[in-house]
Amino acid sequence: MSYILDTVKQEQPEGCVFCRMVEESVDAKNLILIRGKHSFVVMNLFPYNSGHLMVIPKRHTGDFGSLSPAEHVEMAELVEISRKALAECFTPHGYNIGMNIGRAAGAGILDHLHYHVVPRWNGDSNFMSAVGETKVLSESLPESYARLKKAIDRLSS
């Protein structure tokens, strides 16, 4: 809770949060787990579930059709590395993997595409955040980051 409250209190800078993250070199602060040539993996600052990751192209685009074949391939590879790391660190029963493109589809950041990789468990809170305005996280983001970083570094080498 202190992490969430501290984050909410921070003044939000102008521009694209994803572009700003990739330009900075403070990966642990930004929760970036791995950088590829065309894309990167980051923990969701406001996760749907513990371990909620996002795979994001480095290039700023909201148009799925504009992604190059190399961007598509690398993003798919990073989705799979993310899934394997989540399997190792969180032992989920399943995953939600996909994009929300456009406001009507639930996109919170409209102009910069990103895949969500969300671990799921039988009997988890499911839509608790949507109907109960509550999020259930079993550990802090910094604790999850440390475990996932070790797994992703090993899986990607």
N, C-alpha and C. Protein backbone atom coordinates (compact mmCIF):
# COMPACT_ATOMS: atom_id res chain seq x y z
N MET A 1 0.81 -1.18 0.00
CA MET A 1 0.00 0.00 0.00
C MET A 1 0.87 1.26 0.00
N SER A 2 1.96 1.25 0.75
CA SER A 2 2.81 2.44 0.76
C SER A 2 3.39 2.70 -0.62
N TYR A 3 3.72 1.65 -1.36
CA TYR A 3 4.25 1.80 -2.71
C TYR A 3 3.21 2.47 -3.61
N ILE A 4 1.97 2.01 -3.53
CA ILE A 4 0.91 2.58 -4.36
C ILE A 4 0.65 4.03 -3.99
N LEU A 5 0.57 4.32 -2.69
CA LEU A 5 0.32 5.69 -2.26
C LEU A 5 1.45 6.62 -2.67
N ASP A 6 2.70 6.18 -2.54
CA ASP A 6 3.84 7.00 -2.95
C ASP A 6 3.80 7.27 -4.45
N THR A 7 3.43 6.27 -5.22
CA THR A 7 3.36 6.42 -6.68
C THR A 7 2.26 7.39 -7.08
N VAL A 8 1.10 7.28 -6.45
CA VAL A 8 -0.02 8.14 -6.78
C VAL A 8 0.30 9.59 -6.43
N LYS A 9 1.06 9.83 -5.36
CA LYS A 9 1.42 11.18 -4.92
C LYS A 9 2.38 11.86 -5.89
N GLN A 10 3.16 11.07 -6.65
CA GLN A 10 4.15 11.65 -7.55
C GLN A 10 3.46 12.41 -8.68
N GLU A 11 4.03 13.54 -9.03
CA GLU A 11 3.51 14.32 -10.14
C GLU A 11 3.82 13.58 -11.44
N GLN A 12 2.83 13.43 -12.29
CA GLN A 12 2.99 12.70 -13.53
C GLN A 12 3.54 13.62 -14.62
N PRO A 13 4.72 13.29 -15.17
CA PRO A 13 5.31 14.14 -16.22
C PRO A 13 4.55 14.04 -17.54
N GLU A 14 4.82 15.01 -18.41
CA GLU A 14 4.21 15.05 -19.74
C GLU A 14 4.79 13.95 -20.62
N GLY A 15 4.08 13.63 -21.70
CA GLY A 15 4.59 12.70 -22.70
C GLY A 15 4.26 11.25 -22.40
N CYS A 16 4.81 10.38 -23.21
CA CYS A 16 4.54 8.95 -23.15
C CYS A 16 5.39 8.30 -22.05
N VAL A 17 4.72 7.64 -21.12
CA VAL A 17 5.41 6.99 -20.02
C VAL A 17 6.35 5.89 -20.53
N PHE A 18 5.95 5.16 -21.56
CA PHE A 18 6.79 4.06 -22.08
C PHE A 18 8.03 4.61 -22.78
N CYS A 19 7.87 5.66 -23.56
CA CYS A 19 9.03 6.27 -24.23
C CYS A 19 10.01 6.83 -23.21
N ARG A 20 9.48 7.44 -22.17
CA ARG A 20 10.34 8.00 -21.12
C ARG A 20 11.12 6.88 -20.41
N MET A 21 10.43 5.78 -20.11
CA MET A 21 11.08 4.64 -19.45
C MET A 21 12.26 4.12 -20.26
N VAL A 22 12.03 3.92 -21.54
CA VAL A 22 13.06 3.30 -22.38
C VAL A 22 14.24 4.24 -22.61
N GLU A 23 14.00 5.55 -22.53
CA GLU A 23 15.08 6.52 -22.69
C GLU A 23 15.95 6.64 -21.45
N GLU A 24 15.37 6.35 -20.29
CA GLU A 24 16.12 6.45 -19.04
C GLU A 24 16.97 5.19 -18.83
N SER A 25 17.95 5.29 -17.99
CA SER A 25 18.82 4.12 -17.73
C SER A 25 18.68 3.64 -16.29
N VAL A 26 17.49 3.74 -15.74
CA VAL A 26 17.23 3.31 -14.37
C VAL A 26 16.19 2.18 -14.40
N ASP A 27 16.62 1.03 -14.92
CA ASP A 27 15.70 -0.06 -15.16
C ASP A 27 15.00 -0.55 -13.89
N ALA A 28 15.71 -0.68 -12.79
CA ALA A 28 15.08 -1.16 -11.55
C ALA A 28 14.00 -0.18 -11.09
N LYS A 29 14.27 1.11 -11.15
CA LYS A 29 13.28 2.13 -10.75
C LYS A 29 12.06 2.06 -11.66
N ASN A 30 12.29 1.86 -12.95
CA ASN A 30 11.19 1.79 -13.92
C ASN A 30 10.58 0.40 -14.04
N LEU A 31 11.12 -0.56 -13.30
CA LEU A 31 10.64 -1.95 -13.31
C LEU A 31 10.82 -2.63 -14.67
N ILE A 32 11.84 -2.20 -15.43
CA ILE A 32 12.16 -2.85 -16.70
C ILE A 32 12.96 -4.11 -16.41
N LEU A 33 12.47 -5.23 -16.89
CA LEU A 33 13.10 -6.52 -16.62
C LEU A 33 14.11 -6.92 -17.69
N ILE A 34 13.85 -6.55 -18.94
CA ILE A 34 14.76 -6.90 -20.03
C ILE A 34 14.54 -5.93 -21.18
N ARG A 35 15.63 -5.60 -21.86
CA ARG A 35 15.57 -4.76 -23.05
C ARG A 35 16.04 -5.59 -24.24
N GLY A 36 15.26 -5.60 -25.29
CA GLY A 36 15.67 -6.21 -26.55
C GLY A 36 16.07 -5.11 -27.51
N LYS A 37 16.32 -5.49 -28.75
CA LYS A 37 16.68 -4.51 -29.78
C LYS A 37 15.50 -3.61 -30.12
N HIS A 38 14.29 -4.21 -30.18
CA HIS A 38 13.10 -3.49 -30.64
C HIS A 38 12.04 -3.29 -29.55
N SER A 39 12.17 -4.00 -28.44
CA SER A 39 11.11 -3.95 -27.43
C SER A 39 11.69 -4.26 -26.04
N PHE A 40 10.85 -4.13 -25.03
CA PHE A 40 11.29 -4.37 -23.67
C PHE A 40 10.14 -4.91 -22.83
N VAL A 41 10.49 -5.48 -21.66
CA VAL A 41 9.50 -6.02 -20.74
C VAL A 41 9.55 -5.21 -19.45
N VAL A 42 8.38 -4.82 -18.98
CA VAL A 42 8.28 -4.02 -17.76
C VAL A 42 7.15 -4.57 -16.90
N MET A 43 7.31 -4.45 -15.60
CA MET A 43 6.21 -4.79 -14.70
C MET A 43 5.19 -3.67 -14.73
N ASN A 44 3.93 -4.03 -14.69
CA ASN A 44 2.86 -3.04 -14.67
C ASN A 44 2.87 -2.35 -13.30
N LEU A 45 2.96 -1.04 -13.31
CA LEU A 45 3.01 -0.26 -12.07
C LEU A 45 1.70 -0.38 -11.29
N PHE A 46 0.60 -0.57 -12.00
CA PHE A 46 -0.71 -0.77 -11.37
C PHE A 46 -1.27 -2.11 -11.85
N PRO A 47 -0.72 -3.21 -11.32
CA PRO A 47 -1.01 -4.54 -11.86
C PRO A 47 -2.43 -5.02 -11.60
N TYR A 48 -2.89 -5.83 -12.54
CA TYR A 48 -4.17 -6.51 -12.41
C TYR A 48 -4.03 -7.67 -11.42
N ASN A 49 -2.87 -8.34 -11.46
CA ASN A 49 -2.52 -9.44 -10.56
C ASN A 49 -1.03 -9.34 -10.26
N SER A 50 -0.59 -9.99 -9.22
CA SER A 50 0.85 -10.06 -8.96
C SER A 50 1.55 -10.66 -10.17
N GLY A 51 2.66 -10.05 -10.58
CA GLY A 51 3.41 -10.54 -11.73
C GLY A 51 2.93 -10.02 -13.07
N HIS A 52 2.00 -9.09 -13.09
CA HIS A 52 1.46 -8.54 -14.34
C HIS A 52 2.58 -7.82 -15.10
N LEU A 53 2.94 -8.34 -16.28
CA LEU A 53 4.02 -7.78 -17.09
C LEU A 53 3.45 -7.19 -18.38
N MET A 54 4.25 -6.31 -18.99
CA MET A 54 3.90 -5.75 -20.29
C MET A 54 5.11 -5.85 -21.21
N VAL A 55 4.86 -6.21 -22.46
CA VAL A 55 5.89 -6.25 -23.50
C VAL A 55 5.58 -5.11 -24.45
N ILE A 56 6.56 -4.19 -24.60
CA ILE A 56 6.30 -2.91 -25.25
C ILE A 56 7.32 -2.66 -26.36
N PRO A 57 6.87 -2.24 -27.54
CA PRO A 57 7.85 -1.86 -28.56
C PRO A 57 8.56 -0.58 -28.13
N LYS A 58 9.84 -0.48 -28.45
CA LYS A 58 10.57 0.75 -28.13
C LYS A 58 10.07 1.92 -28.96
N ARG A 59 9.67 1.61 -30.19
CA ARG A 59 9.18 2.66 -31.09
C ARG A 59 7.77 3.05 -30.68
N HIS A 60 7.53 4.33 -30.59
CA HIS A 60 6.22 4.86 -30.19
C HIS A 60 5.23 4.67 -31.33
N THR A 61 4.25 3.79 -31.12
CA THR A 61 3.18 3.60 -32.09
C THR A 61 1.96 3.03 -31.41
N GLY A 62 0.81 3.48 -31.85
CA GLY A 62 -0.46 2.94 -31.40
C GLY A 62 -1.11 2.10 -32.49
N ASP A 63 -0.41 1.90 -33.60
CA ASP A 63 -0.94 1.20 -34.77
C ASP A 63 -0.30 -0.19 -34.87
N PHE A 64 -1.06 -1.21 -34.53
CA PHE A 64 -0.55 -2.58 -34.57
C PHE A 64 -0.01 -2.94 -35.95
N GLY A 65 -0.67 -2.47 -37.00
CA GLY A 65 -0.24 -2.76 -38.37
C GLY A 65 1.08 -2.12 -38.75
N SER A 66 1.53 -1.15 -37.97
CA SER A 66 2.80 -0.48 -38.29
C SER A 66 4.01 -1.22 -37.75
N LEU A 67 3.79 -2.23 -36.90
CA LEU A 67 4.93 -2.98 -36.36
C LEU A 67 5.63 -3.75 -37.48
N SER A 68 6.94 -3.70 -37.48
CA SER A 68 7.72 -4.44 -38.48
C SER A 68 7.74 -5.92 -38.13
N PRO A 69 8.07 -6.78 -39.09
CA PRO A 69 8.21 -8.20 -38.76
C PRO A 69 9.20 -8.44 -37.62
N ALA A 70 10.31 -7.70 -37.60
CA ALA A 70 11.30 -7.87 -36.53
C ALA A 70 10.71 -7.48 -35.16
N GLU A 71 9.90 -6.42 -35.14
CA GLU A 71 9.26 -6.02 -33.88
C GLU A 71 8.27 -7.09 -33.42
N HIS A 72 7.46 -7.61 -34.34
CA HIS A 72 6.50 -8.67 -33.99
C HIS A 72 7.23 -9.89 -33.42
N VAL A 73 8.28 -10.32 -34.10
CA VAL A 73 9.01 -11.52 -33.67
C VAL A 73 9.62 -11.32 -32.29
N GLU A 74 10.31 -10.19 -32.10
CA GLU A 74 10.95 -9.98 -30.81
C GLU A 74 9.91 -9.85 -29.69
N MET A 75 8.81 -9.19 -29.96
CA MET A 75 7.78 -9.07 -28.93
C MET A 75 7.22 -10.44 -28.57
N ALA A 76 7.01 -11.30 -29.56
CA ALA A 76 6.53 -12.66 -29.29
C ALA A 76 7.55 -13.43 -28.45
N GLU A 77 8.82 -13.28 -28.78
CA GLU A 77 9.87 -13.94 -28.00
C GLU A 77 9.87 -13.45 -26.55
N LEU A 78 9.71 -12.15 -26.35
CA LEU A 78 9.69 -11.60 -25.00
C LEU A 78 8.43 -11.98 -24.24
N VAL A 79 7.31 -12.14 -24.94
CA VAL A 79 6.09 -12.65 -24.28
C VAL A 79 6.38 -14.05 -23.75
N GLU A 80 7.04 -14.89 -24.54
CA GLU A 80 7.32 -16.27 -24.11
C GLU A 80 8.34 -16.30 -22.96
N ILE A 81 9.37 -15.48 -23.02
CA ILE A 81 10.32 -15.40 -21.90
C ILE A 81 9.58 -14.94 -20.64
N SER A 82 8.69 -13.97 -20.79
CA SER A 82 7.91 -13.48 -19.66
C SER A 82 7.04 -14.59 -19.07
N ARG A 83 6.38 -15.34 -19.94
CA ARG A 83 5.51 -16.43 -19.49
C ARG A 83 6.32 -17.49 -18.73
N LYS A 84 7.50 -17.83 -19.26
CA LYS A 84 8.35 -18.82 -18.59
C LYS A 84 8.82 -18.32 -17.22
N ALA A 85 9.20 -17.04 -17.15
CA ALA A 85 9.64 -16.47 -15.87
C ALA A 85 8.49 -16.46 -14.86
N LEU A 86 7.30 -16.10 -15.33
CA LEU A 86 6.14 -16.12 -14.43
C LEU A 86 5.83 -17.53 -13.96
N ALA A 87 5.96 -18.51 -14.85
CA ALA A 87 5.72 -19.90 -14.47
C ALA A 87 6.69 -20.33 -13.37
N GLU A 88 7.93 -19.93 -13.52
CA GLU A 88 8.96 -20.29 -12.54
C GLU A 88 8.77 -19.56 -11.21
N CYS A 89 8.43 -18.30 -11.26
CA CYS A 89 8.38 -17.48 -10.05
C CYS A 89 7.04 -17.48 -9.33
N PHE A 90 5.95 -17.70 -10.07
CA PHE A 90 4.62 -17.55 -9.48
C PHE A 90 3.75 -18.81 -9.59
N THR A 91 4.13 -19.77 -10.43
CA THR A 91 3.38 -21.01 -10.63
C THR A 91 1.88 -20.77 -10.88
N PRO A 92 1.55 -19.92 -11.86
CA PRO A 92 0.13 -19.69 -12.15
C PRO A 92 -0.52 -20.90 -12.83
N HIS A 93 -1.84 -20.92 -12.81
CA HIS A 93 -2.59 -21.99 -13.48
C HIS A 93 -2.89 -21.63 -14.93
N GLY A 94 -2.73 -20.37 -15.29
CA GLY A 94 -3.00 -19.91 -16.64
C GLY A 94 -2.52 -18.49 -16.82
N TYR A 95 -2.80 -17.92 -18.00
CA TYR A 95 -2.33 -16.57 -18.34
C TYR A 95 -3.38 -15.87 -19.18
N ASN A 96 -3.47 -14.57 -19.03
CA ASN A 96 -4.13 -13.72 -20.01
C ASN A 96 -3.00 -13.01 -20.74
N ILE A 97 -2.96 -13.17 -22.07
CA ILE A 97 -1.94 -12.53 -22.89
C ILE A 97 -2.65 -11.82 -24.03
N GLY A 98 -2.44 -10.52 -24.15
CA GLY A 98 -3.09 -9.79 -25.24
C GLY A 98 -2.90 -8.30 -25.14
N MET A 99 -3.49 -7.60 -26.11
CA MET A 99 -3.43 -6.14 -26.19
C MET A 99 -4.83 -5.57 -26.09
N ASN A 100 -4.92 -4.39 -25.50
CA ASN A 100 -6.14 -3.59 -25.53
C ASN A 100 -5.84 -2.43 -26.48
N ILE A 101 -6.44 -2.46 -27.65
CA ILE A 101 -6.16 -1.44 -28.66
C ILE A 101 -7.38 -0.53 -28.78
N GLY A 102 -7.21 0.71 -28.40
CA GLY A 102 -8.30 1.68 -28.43
C GLY A 102 -9.01 1.79 -27.09
N ARG A 103 -9.58 2.95 -26.84
CA ARG A 103 -10.26 3.22 -25.57
C ARG A 103 -11.41 2.23 -25.34
N ALA A 104 -12.18 1.93 -26.39
CA ALA A 104 -13.32 1.01 -26.25
C ALA A 104 -12.88 -0.38 -25.82
N ALA A 105 -11.65 -0.76 -26.13
CA ALA A 105 -11.13 -2.07 -25.75
C ALA A 105 -10.47 -2.06 -24.38
N GLY A 106 -10.41 -0.90 -23.75
CA GLY A 106 -9.85 -0.81 -22.41
C GLY A 106 -8.42 -0.32 -22.34
N ALA A 107 -7.89 0.20 -23.44
CA ALA A 107 -6.50 0.69 -23.42
C ALA A 107 -6.38 1.89 -22.50
N GLY A 108 -5.45 1.81 -21.55
CA GLY A 108 -5.18 2.92 -20.66
C GLY A 108 -4.18 3.89 -21.27
N ILE A 109 -3.31 3.37 -22.11
CA ILE A 109 -2.34 4.19 -22.85
C ILE A 109 -2.63 3.95 -24.32
N LEU A 110 -3.25 4.92 -24.95
CA LEU A 110 -3.78 4.74 -26.31
C LEU A 110 -2.72 4.76 -27.40
N ASP A 111 -1.68 5.55 -27.24
CA ASP A 111 -0.78 5.82 -28.35
C ASP A 111 0.48 4.98 -28.37
N HIS A 112 0.61 4.02 -27.44
CA HIS A 112 1.80 3.17 -27.44
C HIS A 112 1.37 1.74 -27.12
N LEU A 113 1.37 0.91 -28.16
CA LEU A 113 0.94 -0.49 -28.03
C LEU A 113 1.72 -1.21 -26.93
N HIS A 114 1.10 -2.22 -26.35
CA HIS A 114 1.79 -3.08 -25.41
C HIS A 114 0.96 -4.34 -25.17
N TYR A 115 1.66 -5.46 -25.08
CA TYR A 115 1.04 -6.72 -24.69
C TYR A 115 0.98 -6.78 -23.17
N HIS A 116 -0.10 -7.31 -22.65
CA HIS A 116 -0.20 -7.63 -21.23
C HIS A 116 0.05 -9.13 -21.09
N VAL A 117 0.84 -9.50 -20.11
CA VAL A 117 1.05 -10.91 -19.75
C VAL A 117 0.68 -11.00 -18.28
N VAL A 118 -0.51 -11.56 -18.02
CA VAL A 118 -1.06 -11.57 -16.67
C VAL A 118 -1.20 -13.02 -16.18
N PRO A 119 -0.48 -13.36 -15.11
CA PRO A 119 -0.64 -14.71 -14.55
C PRO A 119 -2.00 -14.84 -13.87
N ARG A 120 -2.60 -16.03 -13.96
CA ARG A 120 -3.92 -16.29 -13.36
C ARG A 120 -3.88 -17.58 -12.57
N TRP A 121 -4.70 -17.63 -11.53
CA TRP A 121 -4.81 -18.81 -10.68
C TRP A 121 -6.27 -19.19 -10.54
N ASN A 122 -6.53 -20.48 -10.43
CA ASN A 122 -7.89 -20.93 -10.16
C ASN A 122 -8.34 -20.27 -8.86
N GLY A 123 -9.50 -19.62 -8.91
CA GLY A 123 -10.04 -18.98 -7.72
C GLY A 123 -9.42 -17.64 -7.39
N ASP A 124 -8.64 -17.05 -8.32
CA ASP A 124 -8.07 -15.72 -8.03
C ASP A 124 -9.19 -14.67 -8.02
N SER A 125 -8.82 -13.45 -7.81
CA SER A 125 -9.82 -12.39 -7.63
C SER A 125 -10.56 -12.03 -8.91
N ASN A 126 -10.11 -12.55 -10.05
CA ASN A 126 -10.73 -12.36 -11.35
C ASN A 126 -11.07 -10.90 -11.60
N PHE A 127 -12.31 -10.51 -11.55
CA PHE A 127 -12.66 -9.13 -11.88
C PHE A 127 -12.88 -8.28 -10.63
N MET A 128 -12.20 -8.64 -9.54
CA MET A 128 -12.30 -7.88 -8.29
C MET A 128 -12.00 -6.40 -8.51
N SER A 129 -10.99 -6.12 -9.33
CA SER A 129 -10.61 -4.72 -9.54
C SER A 129 -11.69 -3.94 -10.29
N ALA A 130 -12.43 -4.61 -11.16
CA ALA A 130 -13.45 -3.91 -11.94
C ALA A 130 -14.74 -3.70 -11.15
N VAL A 131 -15.16 -4.71 -10.39
CA VAL A 131 -16.45 -4.60 -9.71
C VAL A 131 -16.31 -4.23 -8.23
N GLY A 132 -15.20 -4.57 -7.62
CA GLY A 132 -15.02 -4.30 -6.21
C GLY A 132 -14.09 -3.15 -5.91
N GLU A 133 -13.53 -2.54 -6.98
CA GLU A 133 -12.57 -1.45 -6.85
C GLU A 133 -11.45 -1.82 -5.88
N THR A 134 -11.02 -3.09 -5.95
CA THR A 134 -9.99 -3.61 -5.05
C THR A 134 -8.99 -4.42 -5.85
N LYS A 135 -7.71 -4.30 -5.49
CA LYS A 135 -6.66 -5.12 -6.09
C LYS A 135 -6.06 -5.97 -4.99
N VAL A 136 -5.78 -7.23 -5.33
CA VAL A 136 -5.20 -8.15 -4.36
C VAL A 136 -3.81 -8.52 -4.86
N LEU A 137 -2.77 -8.06 -4.16
CA LEU A 137 -1.39 -8.35 -4.54
C LEU A 137 -0.72 -9.10 -3.39
N SER A 138 -0.11 -10.24 -3.70
CA SER A 138 0.45 -11.07 -2.65
C SER A 138 1.84 -10.64 -2.20
N GLU A 139 2.54 -9.81 -3.00
CA GLU A 139 3.84 -9.29 -2.58
C GLU A 139 4.07 -7.94 -3.24
N SER A 140 5.02 -7.19 -2.73
CA SER A 140 5.28 -5.86 -3.27
C SER A 140 5.92 -5.95 -4.65
N LEU A 141 5.79 -4.88 -5.44
CA LEU A 141 6.40 -4.84 -6.76
C LEU A 141 7.92 -5.00 -6.70
N PRO A 142 8.63 -4.33 -5.76
CA PRO A 142 10.08 -4.53 -5.70
C PRO A 142 10.48 -5.99 -5.40
N GLU A 143 9.72 -6.68 -4.58
CA GLU A 143 10.01 -8.10 -4.29
C GLU A 143 9.78 -8.95 -5.54
N SER A 144 8.68 -8.72 -6.22
CA SER A 144 8.39 -9.46 -7.46
C SER A 144 9.45 -9.15 -8.52
N TYR A 145 9.84 -7.87 -8.62
CA TYR A 145 10.86 -7.47 -9.60
C TYR A 145 12.15 -8.25 -9.38
N ALA A 146 12.60 -8.35 -8.15
CA ALA A 146 13.87 -9.05 -7.86
C ALA A 146 13.79 -10.51 -8.28
N ARG A 147 12.70 -11.17 -7.99
CA ARG A 147 12.56 -12.59 -8.37
C ARG A 147 12.47 -12.76 -9.88
N LEU A 148 11.65 -11.93 -10.51
CA LEU A 148 11.48 -12.04 -11.96
C LEU A 148 12.74 -11.65 -12.72
N LYS A 149 13.46 -10.66 -12.25
CA LYS A 149 14.70 -10.22 -12.92
C LYS A 149 15.69 -11.36 -12.99
N LYS A 150 15.87 -12.09 -11.90
CA LYS A 150 16.80 -13.23 -11.89
C LYS A 150 16.36 -14.29 -12.90
N ALA A 151 15.08 -14.60 -12.92
CA ALA A 151 14.57 -15.62 -13.84
C ALA A 151 14.72 -15.18 -15.29
N ILE A 152 14.36 -13.94 -15.59
CA ILE A 152 14.43 -13.45 -16.97
C ILE A 152 15.88 -13.36 -17.44
N ASP A 153 16.77 -12.91 -16.59
CA ASP A 153 18.20 -12.85 -16.97
C ASP A 153 18.70 -14.25 -17.32
N ARG A 154 18.31 -15.24 -16.55
CA ARG A 154 18.76 -16.61 -16.82
C ARG A 154 18.11 -17.15 -18.10
N LEU A 155 16.81 -16.92 -18.28
CA LEU A 155 16.09 -17.44 -19.44
C LEU A 155 16.49 -16.78 -20.74
N SER A 156 16.97 -15.55 -20.70
CA SER A 156 17.30 -14.82 -21.92
C SER A 156 18.77 -14.92 -22.30
N SER A 157 19.57 -15.58 -21.48
CA SER A 157 21.00 -15.65 -21.82
C SER A 157 21.34 -16.88 -22.63
